PDB file of N, CA and C in Angstrom:
ATOM      1  N   UNK A   1      11.486  13.943 -11.920  1.00  0.00           N
ATOM      2  CA  UNK A   1      11.554  12.913 -10.528  1.00  0.00           C
ATOM      3  C   UNK A   1      11.045  11.702 -10.911  1.00  0.00           C
ATOM      4  N   UNK A   2      11.806  10.446 -10.618  1.00  0.00           N
ATOM      5  CA  UNK A   2      11.365   9.228 -11.349  1.00  0.00           C
ATOM      6  C   UNK A   2      10.162   9.148  -9.757  1.00  0.00           C
ATOM      7  N   UNK A   3       9.448   8.187 -10.625  1.00  0.00           N
ATOM      8  CA  UNK A   3       8.046   8.054  -9.778  1.00  0.00           C
ATOM      9  C   UNK A   3       8.798   6.451  -9.213  1.00  0.00           C
ATOM     10  N   UNK A   4       8.464   6.328  -7.622  1.00  0.00           N
ATOM     11  CA  UNK A   4       8.602   5.087  -6.949  1.00  0.00           C
ATOM     12  C   UNK A   4       8.037   4.008  -6.914  1.00  0.00           C
ATOM     13  N   UNK A   5       8.522   3.157  -7.692  1.00  0.00           N
ATOM     14  CA  UNK A   5       8.193   2.004  -7.706  1.00  0.00           C
ATOM     15  C   UNK A   5       7.303   0.921  -6.111  1.00  0.00           C
ATOM     16  N   UNK A   6       5.936   0.331  -6.757  1.00  0.00           N
ATOM     17  CA  UNK A   6       5.307   0.068  -5.566  1.00  0.00           C
ATOM     18  C   UNK A   6       5.941  -1.130  -5.584  1.00  0.00           C
ATOM     19  N   UNK A   7       5.784  -1.700  -4.148  1.00  0.00           N
ATOM     20  CA  UNK A   7       6.514  -3.381  -3.649  1.00  0.00           C
ATOM     21  C   UNK A   7       5.930  -4.293  -4.153  1.00  0.00           C
ATOM     22  N   UNK A   8       7.047  -5.433  -4.409  1.00  0.00           N
ATOM     23  CA  UNK A   8       6.324  -6.324  -5.127  1.00  0.00           C
ATOM     24  C   UNK A   8       5.853  -7.348  -3.835  1.00  0.00           C
ATOM     25  N   UNK A   9       4.634  -7.527  -4.005  1.00  0.00           N
ATOM     26  CA  UNK A   9       4.076  -8.954  -2.824  1.00  0.00           C
ATOM     27  C   UNK A   9       4.406 -10.251  -3.250  1.00  0.00           C
ATOM     28  N   UNK A  10       5.192 -11.204  -2.518  1.00  0.00           N
ATOM     29  CA  UNK A  10       4.941 -12.505  -3.330  1.00  0.00           C
ATOM     30  C   UNK A  10       4.704 -13.339  -1.477  1.00  0.00           C
ATOM     31  N   UNK A  11       4.673 -14.571  -1.864  1.00  0.00           N
ATOM     32  CA  UNK A  11       4.050 -15.627  -0.735  1.00  0.00           C
ATOM     33  C   UNK A  11       4.929 -15.348   0.687  1.00  0.00           C
ATOM     34  N   UNK A  12       6.060 -14.867   0.361  1.00  0.00           N
ATOM     35  CA  UNK A  12       7.421 -14.985   1.502  1.00  0.00           C
ATOM     36  C   UNK A  12       6.902 -13.535   2.081  1.00  0.00           C
ATOM     37  N   UNK A  13       6.408 -12.532   1.477  1.00  0.00           N
ATOM     38  CA  UNK A  13       6.368 -11.146   1.904  1.00  0.00           C
ATOM     39  C   UNK A  13       5.430 -10.495   2.091  1.00  0.00           C
ATOM     40  N   UNK A  14       4.042 -11.248   1.981  1.00  0.00           N
ATOM     41  CA  UNK A  14       2.741 -10.773   2.430  1.00  0.00           C
ATOM     42  C   UNK A  14       2.455 -10.740   3.475  1.00  0.00           C
ATOM     43  N   UNK A  15       3.141 -11.339   4.599  1.00  0.00           N
ATOM     44  CA  UNK A  15       2.590 -11.050   5.832  1.00  0.00           C
ATOM     45  C   UNK A  15       3.206  -9.820   6.500  1.00  0.00           C
ATOM     46  N   UNK A  16       4.163  -8.986   5.154  1.00  0.00           N
ATOM     47  CA  UNK A  16       4.726  -7.502   5.699  1.00  0.00           C
ATOM     48  C   UNK A  16       3.578  -6.688   5.532  1.00  0.00           C
ATOM     49  N   UNK A  17       2.504  -6.983   4.845  1.00  0.00           N
ATOM     50  CA  UNK A  17       1.452  -5.852   3.819  1.00  0.00           C
ATOM     51  C   UNK A  17       0.171  -6.058   4.931  1.00  0.00           C
ATOM     52  N   UNK A  18      -0.503  -4.966   5.148  1.00  0.00           N
ATOM     53  CA  UNK A  18      -1.774  -4.491   5.757  1.00  0.00           C
ATOM     54  C   UNK A  18      -2.526  -4.048   5.083  1.00  0.00           C
ATOM     55  N   UNK A  19      -3.735  -3.790   5.157  1.00  0.00           N
ATOM     56  CA  UNK A  19      -4.867  -3.348   4.012  1.00  0.00           C
ATOM     57  C   UNK A  19      -5.335  -2.349   5.614  1.00  0.00           C
ATOM     58  N   UNK A  20      -5.333  -1.288   4.936  1.00  0.00           N
ATOM     59  CA  UNK A  20      -5.760  -0.230   5.662  1.00  0.00           C
ATOM     60  C   UNK A  20      -6.965   0.985   4.540  1.00  0.00           C
ATOM     61  N   UNK A  21      -7.747   1.743   5.673  1.00  0.00           N
ATOM     62  CA  UNK A  21      -8.848   2.039   5.038  1.00  0.00           C
ATOM     63  C   UNK A  21      -8.908   3.810   5.183  1.00  0.00           C
ATOM     64  N   UNK A  22      -8.853   4.592   4.641  1.00  0.00           N
ATOM     65  CA  UNK A  22      -9.002   6.165   4.985  1.00  0.00           C
ATOM     66  C   UNK A  22     -10.205   6.487   5.171  1.00  0.00           C
ATOM     67  N   UNK A  23     -10.436   7.538   5.475  1.00  0.00           N
ATOM     68  CA  UNK A  23     -11.795   8.073   6.558  1.00  0.00           C
ATOM     69  C   UNK A  23     -12.883   7.751   5.703  1.00  0.00           C
ATOM     70  N   UNK A  24     -12.503   8.021   4.161  1.00  0.00           N
ATOM     71  CA  UNK A  24     -13.656   8.073   3.307  1.00  0.00           C
ATOM     72  C   UNK A  24     -13.852   6.307   2.569  1.00  0.00           C
ATOM     73  N   UNK A  25     -13.157   5.445   3.281  1.00  0.00           N
ATOM     74  CA  UNK A  25     -13.433   3.846   3.085  1.00  0.00           C
ATOM     75  C   UNK A  25     -12.933   3.707   1.918  1.00  0.00           C
ATOM     76  N   UNK A  26     -11.554   4.372   1.208  1.00  0.00           N
ATOM     77  CA  UNK A  26     -10.733   3.906  -0.007  1.00  0.00           C
ATOM     78  C   UNK A  26      -9.946   3.022   0.795  1.00  0.00           C
ATOM     79  N   UNK A  27      -9.594   1.428  -0.065  1.00  0.00           N
ATOM     80  CA  UNK A  27      -8.665   1.031   0.898  1.00  0.00           C
ATOM     81  C   UNK A  27      -6.950   0.918  -0.058  1.00  0.00           C
ATOM     82  N   UNK A  28      -6.151   0.760   1.075  1.00  0.00           N
ATOM     83  CA  UNK A  28      -4.821   0.630   0.563  1.00  0.00           C
ATOM     84  C   UNK A  28      -4.082  -0.484   0.897  1.00  0.00           C
ATOM     85  N   UNK A  29      -3.218  -1.016   0.204  1.00  0.00           N
ATOM     86  CA  UNK A  29      -2.475  -1.935   0.881  1.00  0.00           C
ATOM     87  C   UNK A  29      -1.301  -1.806   1.069  1.00  0.00           C
ATOM     88  N   UNK A  30      -0.648  -1.779   2.106  1.00  0.00           N
ATOM     89  CA  UNK A  30       0.647  -1.251   2.755  1.00  0.00           C
ATOM     90  C   UNK A  30       1.505  -1.798   3.709  1.00  0.00           C
ATOM     91  N   UNK A  31       2.749  -1.657   3.278  1.00  0.00           N
ATOM     92  CA  UNK A  31       4.046  -2.352   3.823  1.00  0.00           C
ATOM     93  C   UNK A  31       3.757  -1.888   5.539  1.00  0.00           C
ATOM     94  N   UNK A  32       3.705  -2.468   6.565  1.00  0.00           N
ATOM     95  CA  UNK A  32       3.655  -2.238   7.886  1.00  0.00           C
ATOM     96  C   UNK A  32       4.414  -1.334   8.094  1.00  0.00           C
ATOM     97  N   UNK A  33       5.746  -1.558   7.890  1.00  0.00           N
ATOM     98  CA  UNK A  33       6.757  -0.438   7.894  1.00  0.00           C
ATOM     99  C   UNK A  33       6.716   1.007   7.487  1.00  0.00           C
ATOM    100  N   UNK A  34       5.784   1.221   6.800  1.00  0.00           N
ATOM    101  CA  UNK A  34       5.345   2.596   5.654  1.00  0.00           C
ATOM    102  C   UNK A  34       4.511   2.877   6.621  1.00  0.00           C
ATOM    103  N   UNK A  35       3.666   2.229   7.823  1.00  0.00           N
ATOM    104  CA  UNK A  35       2.506   2.728   8.635  1.00  0.00           C
ATOM    105  C   UNK A  35       2.665   4.055   9.654  1.00  0.00           C
ATOM    106  N   UNK A  36       1.771   5.152   9.441  1.00  0.00           N
ATOM    107  CA  UNK A  36       2.058   5.898  10.632  1.00  0.00           C
ATOM    108  C   UNK A  36       0.242   6.689  10.674  1.00  0.00           C
ATOM    109  N   UNK A  37       0.082   7.509  11.719  1.00  0.00           N
ATOM    110  CA  UNK A  37      -1.297   7.807  11.703  1.00  0.00           C
ATOM    111  C   UNK A  37      -1.725   8.417  10.393  1.00  0.00           C
ATOM    112  N   UNK A  38      -2.914   7.794  10.225  1.00  0.00           N
ATOM    113  CA  UNK A  38      -3.521   7.729   8.476  1.00  0.00           C
ATOM    114  C   UNK A  38      -3.631   9.353   8.468  1.00  0.00           C
ATOM    115  N   UNK A  39      -4.136  10.148   9.528  1.00  0.00           N
ATOM    116  CA  UNK A  39      -4.193  11.527   9.226  1.00  0.00           C
ATOM    117  C   UNK A  39      -2.800  12.688   8.943  1.00  0.00           C
ATOM    118  N   UNK A  40      -1.636  11.707   8.747  1.00  0.00           N
ATOM    119  CA  UNK A  40      -0.528  12.363   8.797  1.00  0.00           C
ATOM    120  C   UNK A  40       0.083  11.705   7.545  1.00  0.00           C
ATOM    121  N   UNK A  41      -0.478  10.673   6.738  1.00  0.00           N
ATOM    122  CA  UNK A  41      -0.404  10.242   5.594  1.00  0.00           C
ATOM    123  C   UNK A  41      -0.323  11.471   4.408  1.00  0.00           C
ATOM    124  N   UNK A  42       0.888  11.853   3.475  1.00  0.00           N
ATOM    125  CA  UNK A  42       1.156  12.647   2.513  1.00  0.00           C
ATOM    126  C   UNK A  42       0.498  11.821   0.871  1.00  0.00           C
ATOM    127  N   UNK A  43       0.557  12.840  -0.135  1.00  0.00           N
ATOM    128  CA  UNK A  43      -0.233  12.343  -1.437  1.00  0.00           C
ATOM    129  C   UNK A  43       1.168  11.110  -1.740  1.00  0.00           C
ATOM    130  N   UNK A  44       2.505  11.579  -1.452  1.00  0.00           N
ATOM    131  CA  UNK A  44       3.408  11.010  -2.026  1.00  0.00           C
ATOM    132  C   UNK A  44       3.633   9.488  -1.541  1.00  0.00           C
ATOM    133  N   UNK A  45       3.291   9.278   0.096  1.00  0.00           N
ATOM    134  CA  UNK A  45       3.064   7.963   0.599  1.00  0.00           C
ATOM    135  C   UNK A  45       2.130   7.276   0.427  1.00  0.00           C
ATOM    136  N   UNK A  46       0.700   8.152  -0.187  1.00  0.00           N
ATOM    137  CA  UNK A  46      -0.063   7.248  -0.674  1.00  0.00           C
ATOM    138  C   UNK A  46       0.114   6.718  -1.922  1.00  0.00           C
ATOM    139  N   UNK A  47       0.860   7.074  -2.706  1.00  0.00           N
ATOM    140  CA  UNK A  47       1.387   6.632  -4.132  1.00  0.00           C
ATOM    141  C   UNK A  47       2.204   5.435  -4.112  1.00  0.00           C
ATOM    142  N   UNK A  48       2.899   4.869  -3.023  1.00  0.00           N
ATOM    143  CA  UNK A  48       3.440   4.149  -2.449  1.00  0.00           C
ATOM    144  C   UNK A  48       2.474   2.864  -2.250  1.00  0.00           C
ATOM    145  N   UNK A  49       1.441   2.914  -2.128  1.00  0.00           N
ATOM    146  CA  UNK A  49       0.212   1.772  -1.670  1.00  0.00           C
ATOM    147  C   UNK A  49      -0.665   1.755  -2.853  1.00  0.00           C
ATOM    148  N   UNK A  50      -1.159   0.547  -2.619  1.00  0.00           N
ATOM    149  CA  UNK A  50      -1.986  -0.040  -3.783  1.00  0.00           C
ATOM    150  C   UNK A  50      -3.530   0.364  -3.247  1.00  0.00           C
ATOM    151  N   UNK A  51      -4.090   0.969  -4.370  1.00  0.00           N
ATOM    152  CA  UNK A  51      -5.618   1.157  -3.844  1.00  0.00           C
ATOM    153  C   UNK A  51      -6.654   0.434  -3.649  1.00  0.00           C
ATOM    154  N   UNK A  52      -6.435  -0.755  -3.532  1.00  0.00           N
ATOM    155  CA  UNK A  52      -7.308  -1.620  -3.037  1.00  0.00           C
ATOM    156  C   UNK A  52      -6.305  -3.314  -3.305  1.00  0.00           C
ATOM    157  N   UNK A  53      -7.226  -4.100  -2.525  1.00  0.00           N
ATOM    158  CA  UNK A  53      -6.464  -5.531  -2.755  1.00  0.00           C
ATOM    159  C   UNK A  53      -6.640  -6.008  -4.073  1.00  0.00           C
ATOM    160  N   UNK A  54      -7.270  -6.000  -5.113  1.00  0.00           N
ATOM    161  CA  UNK A  54      -7.716  -6.652  -6.306  1.00  0.00           C
ATOM    162  C   UNK A  54      -6.042  -5.862  -7.147  1.00  0.00           C
ATOM    163  N   UNK A  55      -5.894  -4.729  -6.998  1.00  0.00           N
ATOM    164  CA  UNK A  55      -5.000  -4.229  -7.857  1.00  0.00           C
ATOM    165  C   UNK A  55      -3.780  -4.624  -7.294  1.00  0.00           C
ATOM    166  N   UNK A  56      -3.312  -5.297  -5.681  1.00  0.00           N
ATOM    167  CA  UNK A  56      -2.209  -5.871  -5.392  1.00  0.00           C
ATOM    168  C   UNK A  56      -2.030  -7.032  -5.677  1.00  0.00           C
ATOM    169  N   UNK A  57      -3.273  -7.948  -5.670  1.00  0.00           N
ATOM    170  CA  UNK A  57      -3.124  -9.585  -6.425  1.00  0.00           C
ATOM    171  C   UNK A  57      -2.620  -9.226  -7.971  1.00  0.00           C
ATOM    172  N   UNK A  58      -3.121  -8.520  -8.665  1.00  0.00           N
ATOM    173  CA  UNK A  58      -2.646  -8.428 -10.119  1.00  0.00           C
ATOM    174  C   UNK A  58      -1.525  -8.216  -9.878  1.00  0.00           C
ATOM    175  N   UNK A  59      -0.742  -7.562  -9.481  1.00  0.00           N
ATOM    176  CA  UNK A  59       0.994  -7.119  -9.725  1.00  0.00           C
ATOM    177  C   UNK A  59       1.726  -8.564  -9.215  1.00  0.00           C
ATOM    178  N   UNK A  60       0.890  -9.377  -8.478  1.00  0.00           N
ATOM    179  CA  UNK A  60       1.491 -10.324  -7.472  1.00  0.00           C
ATOM    180  C   UNK A  60       1.967 -11.256  -8.289  1.00  0.00           C
ATOM    181  N   UNK A  61       2.931 -12.269  -8.522  1.00  0.00           N
ATOM    182  CA  UNK A  61       3.702 -13.150  -9.469  1.00  0.00           C
ATOM    183  C   UNK A  61       3.157 -14.198  -9.339  1.00  0.00           C
TER     184      UNK A  61
END
């Protein structure tokens, strides 16, 4: 099974993303459209998010 690509964050799409934290304090940068109750987030869904702001910014063009 191929791994789903993380979304590209550009200046025009940046407002479509939010920073969320899990109960342990780990941060994820996620598309607003992908959000749901954090307790219901699967490991596969977490893989589509960045683990922190720095990682998201590193991949930004």
